[in-house]
PDB file of N, CA and C in Angstrom:
ATOM      1  N   MET A   1      61.530 -69.179 -91.052  1.00  0.00           N
ATOM      2  CA  MET A   1      60.222 -69.012 -91.650  1.00  0.00           C
ATOM      3  C   MET A   1      59.605 -67.702 -91.160  1.00  0.00           C
ATOM      4  N   LYS A   2      59.109 -66.923 -92.097  1.00  0.00           N
ATOM      5  CA  LYS A   2      58.477 -65.645 -91.771  1.00  0.00           C
ATOM      6  C   LYS A   2      57.004 -65.735 -92.162  1.00  0.00           C
ATOM      7  N   THR A   3      56.143 -65.222 -91.302  1.00  0.00           N
ATOM      8  CA  THR A   3      54.713 -65.243 -91.626  1.00  0.00           C
ATOM      9  C   THR A   3      54.238 -63.828 -91.944  1.00  0.00           C
ATOM     10  N   LEU A   4      53.078 -63.731 -92.561  1.00  0.00           N
ATOM     11  CA  LEU A   4      52.511 -62.438 -92.927  1.00  0.00           C
ATOM     12  C   LEU A   4      52.314 -61.552 -91.698  1.00  0.00           C
ATOM     13  N   LYS A   5      52.084 -62.171 -90.550  1.00  0.00           N
ATOM     14  CA  LYS A   5      51.878 -61.420 -89.308  1.00  0.00           C
ATOM     15  C   LYS A   5      53.110 -60.584 -88.941  1.00  0.00           C
ATOM     16  N   GLU A   6      54.289 -61.038 -89.334  1.00  0.00           N
ATOM     17  CA  GLU A   6      55.546 -60.373 -88.961  1.00  0.00           C
ATOM     18  C   GLU A   6      55.984 -59.281 -89.940  1.00  0.00           C
ATOM     19  N   VAL A   7      55.302 -59.180 -91.071  1.00  0.00           N
ATOM     20  CA  VAL A   7      55.686 -58.219 -92.101  1.00  0.00           C
ATOM     21  C   VAL A   7      55.332 -56.798 -91.671  1.00  0.00           C
ATOM     22  N   LYS A   8      56.243 -55.862 -91.942  1.00  0.00           N
ATOM     23  CA  LYS A   8      56.032 -54.468 -91.558  1.00  0.00           C
ATOM     24  C   LYS A   8      55.136 -53.755 -92.578  1.00  0.00           C
ATOM     25  N   VAL A   9      54.477 -52.697 -92.129  1.00  0.00           N
ATOM     26  CA  VAL A   9      53.627 -51.882 -93.001  1.00  0.00           C
ATOM     27  C   VAL A   9      54.482 -51.305 -94.138  1.00  0.00           C
ATOM     28  N   GLY A  10      53.953 -51.364 -95.345  1.00  0.00           N
ATOM     29  CA  GLY A  10      54.659 -50.815 -96.504  1.00  0.00           C
ATOM     30  C   GLY A  10      55.514 -51.831 -97.239  1.00  0.00           C
ATOM     31  N   GLU A  11      55.643 -53.029 -96.705  1.00  0.00           N
ATOM     32  CA  GLU A  11      56.438 -54.062 -97.364  1.00  0.00           C
ATOM     33  C   GLU A  11      55.567 -54.922 -98.278  1.00  0.00           C
ATOM     34  N   THR A  12      56.189 -55.411 -99.336  1.00  0.00           N
ATOM     35  CA  THR A  12      55.529 -56.354-100.231  1.00  0.00           C
ATOM     36  C   THR A  12      56.252 -57.688-100.098  1.00  0.00           C
ATOM     37  N   VAL A  13      55.484 -58.754 -99.929  1.00  0.00           N
ATOM     38  CA  VAL A  13      56.056 -60.092 -99.786  1.00  0.00           C
ATOM     39  C   VAL A  13      55.358 -61.050-100.749  1.00  0.00           C
ATOM     40  N   THR A  14      55.976 -62.220-100.934  1.00  0.00           N
ATOM     41  CA  THR A  14      55.416 -63.247-101.805  1.00  0.00           C
ATOM     42  C   THR A  14      55.051 -64.459-100.964  1.00  0.00           C
ATOM     43  N   VAL A  15      53.879 -65.033-101.226  1.00  0.00           N
ATOM     44  CA  VAL A  15      53.425 -66.205-100.482  1.00  0.00           C
ATOM     45  C   VAL A  15      54.264 -67.421-100.869  1.00  0.00           C
ATOM     46  N   VAL A  16      54.785 -68.124 -99.860  1.00  0.00           N
ATOM     47  CA  VAL A  16      55.570 -69.335-100.074  1.00  0.00           C
ATOM     48  C   VAL A  16      54.677 -70.554 -99.861  1.00  0.00           C
ATOM     49  N   LYS A  17      53.916 -70.521 -98.767  1.00  0.00           N
ATOM     50  CA  LYS A  17      53.118 -71.691 -98.400  1.00  0.00           C
ATOM     51  C   LYS A  17      51.985 -71.283 -97.473  1.00  0.00           C
ATOM     52  N   LEU A  18      50.864 -71.994 -97.577  1.00  0.00           N
ATOM     53  CA  LEU A  18      49.750 -71.782 -96.660  1.00  0.00           C
ATOM     54  C   LEU A  18      49.725 -72.919 -95.665  1.00  0.00           C
ATOM     55  N   HIS A  19      49.667 -72.587 -94.388  1.00  0.00           N
ATOM     56  CA  HIS A  19      49.540 -73.602 -93.353  1.00  0.00           C
ATOM     57  C   HIS A  19      48.079 -73.626 -92.942  1.00  0.00           C
ATOM     58  N   GLY A  20      47.704 -74.541 -92.107  1.00  0.00           N
ATOM     59  CA  GLY A  20      46.312 -74.596 -91.683  1.00  0.00           C
ATOM     60  C   GLY A  20      45.590 -75.723 -92.402  1.00  0.00           C
ATOM     61  N   GLU A  21      44.412 -76.009 -91.918  1.00  0.00           N
ATOM     62  CA  GLU A  21      43.667 -77.169 -92.420  1.00  0.00           C
ATOM     63  C   GLU A  21      42.323 -76.805 -93.003  1.00  0.00           C
ATOM     64  N   GLY A  22      41.855 -77.644 -93.888  1.00  0.00           N
ATOM     65  CA  GLY A  22      40.495 -77.622 -94.400  1.00  0.00           C
ATOM     66  C   GLY A  22      39.869 -76.281 -94.695  1.00  0.00           C
ATOM     67  N   ALA A  23      38.785 -75.989 -93.983  1.00  0.00           N
ATOM     68  CA  ALA A  23      37.973 -74.807 -94.248  1.00  0.00           C
ATOM     69  C   ALA A  23      38.748 -73.497 -94.117  1.00  0.00           C
ATOM     70  N   VAL A  24      39.649 -73.429 -93.142  1.00  0.00           N
ATOM     71  CA  VAL A  24      40.418 -72.195 -92.931  1.00  0.00           C
ATOM     72  C   VAL A  24      41.338 -71.958 -94.120  1.00  0.00           C
ATOM     73  N   LYS A  25      42.058 -72.981 -94.525  1.00  0.00           N
ATOM     74  CA  LYS A  25      42.966 -72.876 -95.663  1.00  0.00           C
ATOM     75  C   LYS A  25      42.180 -72.554 -96.938  1.00  0.00           C
ATOM     76  N   ARG A  26      41.060 -73.200 -97.119  1.00  0.00           N
ATOM     77  CA  ARG A  26      40.196 -72.988 -98.288  1.00  0.00           C
ATOM     78  C   ARG A  26      39.734 -71.521 -98.341  1.00  0.00           C
ATOM     79  N   ARG A  27      39.338 -70.976 -97.180  1.00  0.00           N
ATOM     80  CA  ARG A  27      38.876 -69.590 -97.121  1.00  0.00           C
ATOM     81  C   ARG A  27      39.984 -68.612 -97.510  1.00  0.00           C
ATOM     82  N   ILE A  28      41.193 -68.873 -97.019  1.00  0.00           N
ATOM     83  CA  ILE A  28      42.331 -68.012 -97.371  1.00  0.00           C
ATOM     84  C   ILE A  28      42.590 -68.085 -98.876  1.00  0.00           C
ATOM     85  N   MET A  29      42.529 -69.282 -99.440  1.00  0.00           N
ATOM     86  CA  MET A  29      42.740 -69.437-100.878  1.00  0.00           C
ATOM     87  C   MET A  29      41.621 -68.770-101.676  1.00  0.00           C
ATOM     88  N   ASP A  30      40.395 -68.852-101.178  1.00  0.00           N
ATOM     89  CA  ASP A  30      39.258 -68.213-101.850  1.00  0.00           C
ATOM     90  C   ASP A  30      39.401 -66.688-101.894  1.00  0.00           C
ATOM     91  N   MET A  31      40.163 -66.133-100.960  1.00  0.00           N
ATOM     92  CA  MET A  31      40.408 -64.687-100.952  1.00  0.00           C
ATOM     93  C   MET A  31      41.464 -64.298-101.981  1.00  0.00           C
ATOM     94  N   GLY A  32      42.028 -65.280-102.668  1.00  0.00           N
ATOM     95  CA  GLY A  32      43.033 -64.986-103.687  1.00  0.00           C
ATOM     96  C   GLY A  32      44.455 -65.097-103.187  1.00  0.00           C
ATOM     97  N   ILE A  33      44.626 -65.563-101.961  1.00  0.00           N
ATOM     98  CA  ILE A  33      45.967 -65.709-101.399  1.00  0.00           C
ATOM     99  C   ILE A  33      46.443 -67.136-101.674  1.00  0.00           C
ATOM    100  N   THR A  34      47.252 -67.266-102.708  1.00  0.00           N
ATOM    101  CA  THR A  34      47.774 -68.571-103.104  1.00  0.00           C
ATOM    102  C   THR A  34      49.286 -68.463-103.284  1.00  0.00           C
ATOM    103  N   LYS A  35      49.929 -69.598-103.476  1.00  0.00           N
ATOM    104  CA  LYS A  35      51.387 -69.635-103.624  1.00  0.00           C
ATOM    105  C   LYS A  35      51.837 -68.690-104.742  1.00  0.00           C
ATOM    106  N   ASN A  36      52.947 -67.994-104.497  1.00  0.00           N
ATOM    107  CA  ASN A  36      53.565 -67.049-105.432  1.00  0.00           C
ATOM    108  C   ASN A  36      52.782 -65.761-105.662  1.00  0.00           C
ATOM    109  N   THR A  37      51.752 -65.506-104.847  1.00  0.00           N
ATOM    110  CA  THR A  37      50.996 -64.260-104.941  1.00  0.00           C
ATOM    111  C   THR A  37      51.717 -63.185-104.133  1.00  0.00           C
ATOM    112  N   ASP A  38      51.789 -61.966-104.682  1.00  0.00           N
ATOM    113  CA  ASP A  38      52.381 -60.851-103.940  1.00  0.00           C
ATOM    114  C   ASP A  38      51.336 -60.229-103.031  1.00  0.00           C
ATOM    115  N   ILE A  39      51.760 -59.897-101.816  1.00  0.00           N
ATOM    116  CA  ILE A  39      50.878 -59.248-100.844  1.00  0.00           C
ATOM    117  C   ILE A  39      51.574 -57.992-100.340  1.00  0.00           C
ATOM    118  N   TYR A  40      50.861 -56.870-100.423  1.00  0.00           N
ATOM    119  CA  TYR A  40      51.375 -55.599 -99.917  1.00  0.00           C
ATOM    120  C   TYR A  40      50.657 -55.286 -98.602  1.00  0.00           C
ATOM    121  N   VAL A  41      51.426 -55.072 -97.546  1.00  0.00           N
ATOM    122  CA  VAL A  41      50.835 -54.775 -96.234  1.00  0.00           C
ATOM    123  C   VAL A  41      50.579 -53.280 -96.138  1.00  0.00           C
ATOM    124  N   ARG A  42      49.283 -52.887 -96.102  1.00  0.00           N
ATOM    125  CA  ARG A  42      48.883 -51.481 -96.078  1.00  0.00           C
ATOM    126  C   ARG A  42      48.850 -50.898 -94.687  1.00  0.00           C
ATOM    127  N   LYS A  43      48.286 -51.662 -93.763  1.00  0.00           N
ATOM    128  CA  LYS A  43      48.035 -51.114 -92.437  1.00  0.00           C
ATOM    129  C   LYS A  43      47.918 -52.246 -91.423  1.00  0.00           C
ATOM    130  N   VAL A  44      48.347 -51.975 -90.195  1.00  0.00           N
ATOM    131  CA  VAL A  44      48.141 -52.934 -89.105  1.00  0.00           C
ATOM    132  C   VAL A  44      47.453 -52.161 -87.991  1.00  0.00           C
ATOM    133  N   ALA A  45      46.337 -52.683 -87.514  1.00  0.00           N
ATOM    134  CA  ALA A  45      45.598 -52.021 -86.440  1.00  0.00           C
ATOM    135  C   ALA A  45      46.475 -51.922 -85.190  1.00  0.00           C
ATOM    136  N   PRO A  46      46.188 -50.975 -84.311  1.00  0.00           N
ATOM    137  CA  PRO A  46      47.025 -50.742 -83.123  1.00  0.00           C
ATOM    138  C   PRO A  46      47.361 -52.000 -82.316  1.00  0.00           C
ATOM    139  N   LEU A  47      46.421 -52.903 -82.160  1.00  0.00           N
ATOM    140  CA  LEU A  47      46.706 -54.117 -81.389  1.00  0.00           C
ATOM    141  C   LEU A  47      47.118 -55.280 -82.288  1.00  0.00           C
ATOM    142  N   GLY A  48      47.373 -54.975 -83.564  1.00  0.00           N
ATOM    143  CA  GLY A  48      47.845 -56.010 -84.485  1.00  0.00           C
ATOM    144  C   GLY A  48      46.737 -56.797 -85.152  1.00  0.00           C
ATOM    145  N   ASP A  49      45.492 -56.467 -84.864  1.00  0.00           N
ATOM    146  CA  ASP A  49      44.379 -57.241 -85.426  1.00  0.00           C
ATOM    147  C   ASP A  49      43.284 -56.284 -85.872  1.00  0.00           C
ATOM    148  N   PRO A  50      42.863 -56.202 -87.103  1.00  0.00           N
ATOM    149  CA  PRO A  50      43.330 -57.003 -88.236  1.00  0.00           C
ATOM    150  C   PRO A  50      44.508 -56.353 -88.970  1.00  0.00           C
ATOM    151  N   VAL A  51      45.013 -57.082 -89.950  1.00  0.00           N
ATOM    152  CA  VAL A  51      46.077 -56.608 -90.831  1.00  0.00           C
ATOM    153  C   VAL A  51      45.412 -56.290 -92.159  1.00  0.00           C
ATOM    154  N   GLU A  52      45.621 -55.084 -92.679  1.00  0.00           N
ATOM    155  CA  GLU A  52      45.035 -54.727 -93.975  1.00  0.00           C
ATOM    156  C   GLU A  52      46.084 -54.910 -95.057  1.00  0.00           C
ATOM    157  N   VAL A  53      45.719 -55.667 -96.085  1.00  0.00           N
ATOM    158  CA  VAL A  53      46.650 -55.976 -97.164  1.00  0.00           C
ATOM    159  C   VAL A  53      46.004 -55.728 -98.520  1.00  0.00           C
ATOM    160  N   THR A  54      46.849 -55.618 -99.548  1.00  0.00           N
ATOM    161  CA  THR A  54      46.372 -55.542-100.924  1.00  0.00           C
ATOM    162  C   THR A  54      46.858 -56.801-101.629  1.00  0.00           C
ATOM    163  N   VAL A  55      45.917 -57.536-102.205  1.00  0.00           N
ATOM    164  CA  VAL A  55      46.203 -58.780-102.926  1.00  0.00           C
ATOM    165  C   VAL A  55      45.482 -58.730-104.265  1.00  0.00           C
ATOM    166  N   ARG A  56      46.203 -58.977-105.347  1.00  0.00           N
ATOM    167  CA  ARG A  56      45.584 -58.983-106.690  1.00  0.00           C
ATOM    168  C   ARG A  56      44.714 -57.754-106.936  1.00  0.00           C
ATOM    169  N   ASN A  57      45.225 -56.588-106.579  1.00  0.00           N
ATOM    170  CA  ASN A  57      44.558 -55.292-106.792  1.00  0.00           C
ATOM    171  C   ASN A  57      43.276 -55.078-105.984  1.00  0.00           C
ATOM    172  N   TYR A  58      43.050 -55.843-104.940  1.00  0.00           N
ATOM    173  CA  TYR A  58      41.943 -55.505-104.054  1.00  0.00           C
ATOM    174  C   TYR A  58      42.391 -55.565-102.608  1.00  0.00           C
ATOM    175  N   GLU A  59      41.633 -54.894-101.753  1.00  0.00           N
ATOM    176  CA  GLU A  59      42.022 -54.764-100.363  1.00  0.00           C
ATOM    177  C   GLU A  59      41.316 -55.778 -99.479  1.00  0.00           C
ATOM    178  N   LEU A  60      42.062 -56.316 -98.537  1.00  0.00           N
ATOM    179  CA  LEU A  60      41.546 -57.339 -97.633  1.00  0.00           C
ATOM    180  C   LEU A  60      41.951 -57.012 -96.210  1.00  0.00           C
ATOM    181  N   SER A  61      41.137 -57.432 -95.275  1.00  0.00           N
ATOM    182  CA  SER A  61      41.526 -57.383 -93.859  1.00  0.00           C
ATOM    183  C   SER A  61      41.626 -58.825 -93.391  1.00  0.00           C
ATOM    184  N   LEU A  62      42.737 -59.149 -92.770  1.00  0.00           N
ATOM    185  CA  LEU A  62      42.968 -60.511 -92.289  1.00  0.00           C
ATOM    186  C   LEU A  62      43.126 -60.503 -90.778  1.00  0.00           C
ATOM    187  N   ARG A  63      42.559 -61.495 -90.137  1.00  0.00           N
ATOM    188  CA  ARG A  63      42.792 -61.636 -88.697  1.00  0.00           C
ATOM    189  C   ARG A  63      44.237 -62.061 -88.483  1.00  0.00           C
ATOM    190  N   LYS A  64      44.734 -61.722 -87.304  1.00  0.00           N
ATOM    191  CA  LYS A  64      46.109 -62.076 -86.954  1.00  0.00           C
ATOM    192  C   LYS A  64      46.318 -63.589 -87.038  1.00  0.00           C
ATOM    193  N   ALA A  65      45.330 -64.351 -86.593  1.00  0.00           N
ATOM    194  CA  ALA A  65      45.434 -65.820 -86.623  1.00  0.00           C
ATOM    195  C   ALA A  65      45.564 -66.343 -88.056  1.00  0.00           C
ATOM    196  N   ASP A  66      44.850 -65.701 -88.996  1.00  0.00           N
ATOM    197  CA  ASP A  66      44.954 -66.108 -90.398  1.00  0.00           C
ATOM    198  C   ASP A  66      46.303 -65.690 -90.981  1.00  0.00           C
ATOM    199  N   ALA A  67      46.760 -64.489 -90.638  1.00  0.00           N
ATOM    200  CA  ALA A  67      48.039 -63.988 -91.147  1.00  0.00           C
ATOM    201  C   ALA A  67      49.191 -64.895 -90.700  1.00  0.00           C
ATOM    202  N   GLU A  68      49.060 -65.498 -89.521  1.00  0.00           N
ATOM    203  CA  GLU A  68      50.117 -66.392 -89.011  1.00  0.00           C
ATOM    204  C   GLU A  68      50.227 -67.667 -89.836  1.00  0.00           C
ATOM    205  N   MET A  69      49.175 -68.030 -90.554  1.00  0.00           N
ATOM    206  CA  MET A  69      49.185 -69.265 -91.340  1.00  0.00           C
ATOM    207  C   MET A  69      49.783 -69.078 -92.723  1.00  0.00           C
ATOM    208  N   ILE A  70      50.100 -67.830 -93.080  1.00  0.00           N
ATOM    209  CA  ILE A  70      50.612 -67.547 -94.413  1.00  0.00           C
ATOM    210  C   ILE A  70      52.115 -67.320 -94.341  1.00  0.00           C
ATOM    211  N   GLU A  71      52.861 -68.288 -94.873  1.00  0.00           N
ATOM    212  CA  GLU A  71      54.330 -68.194 -94.876  1.00  0.00           C
ATOM    213  C   GLU A  71      54.751 -67.383 -96.086  1.00  0.00           C
ATOM    214  N   VAL A  72      55.638 -66.398 -95.861  1.00  0.00           N
ATOM    215  CA  VAL A  72      56.027 -65.483 -96.929  1.00  0.00           C
ATOM    216  C   VAL A  72      57.545 -65.327 -97.021  1.00  0.00           C
ATOM    217  N   LYS A  73      57.980 -64.733 -98.134  1.00  0.00           N
ATOM    218  CA  LYS A  73      59.388 -64.347 -98.320  1.00  0.00           C
ATOM    219  C   LYS A  73      59.405 -62.955 -98.933  1.00  0.00           C
ATOM    220  N   GLU A  74      60.556 -62.300 -98.884  1.00  0.00           N
ATOM    221  CA  GLU A  74      60.672 -60.972 -99.475  1.00  0.00           C
ATOM    222  C   GLU A  74      60.371 -61.049-100.968  1.00  0.00           C
ATOM    223  N   ALA A  75      59.612 -60.083-101.476  1.00  0.00           N
ATOM    224  CA  ALA A  75      59.246 -60.083-102.900  1.00  0.00           C
ATOM    225  C   ALA A  75      60.423 -59.632-103.748  1.00  0.00           C
TER     226      ALA A  75
END
């Protein structure tokens, strides 16, 4: 299992599954990150937090803890 946190800058991946419970999972889904969505990793801050991604043609910053809950596969 690979999570969004492990993806290298410049790679595009597809969401397989969202882990996490209730409000946290709901918030991630509200950002447009749902199953089968492509995510392009634009930038990772020096200490790994936050991760900047492009989802559905808009840019998002995700905390490392949130990125760990998003299971992905190569696009």
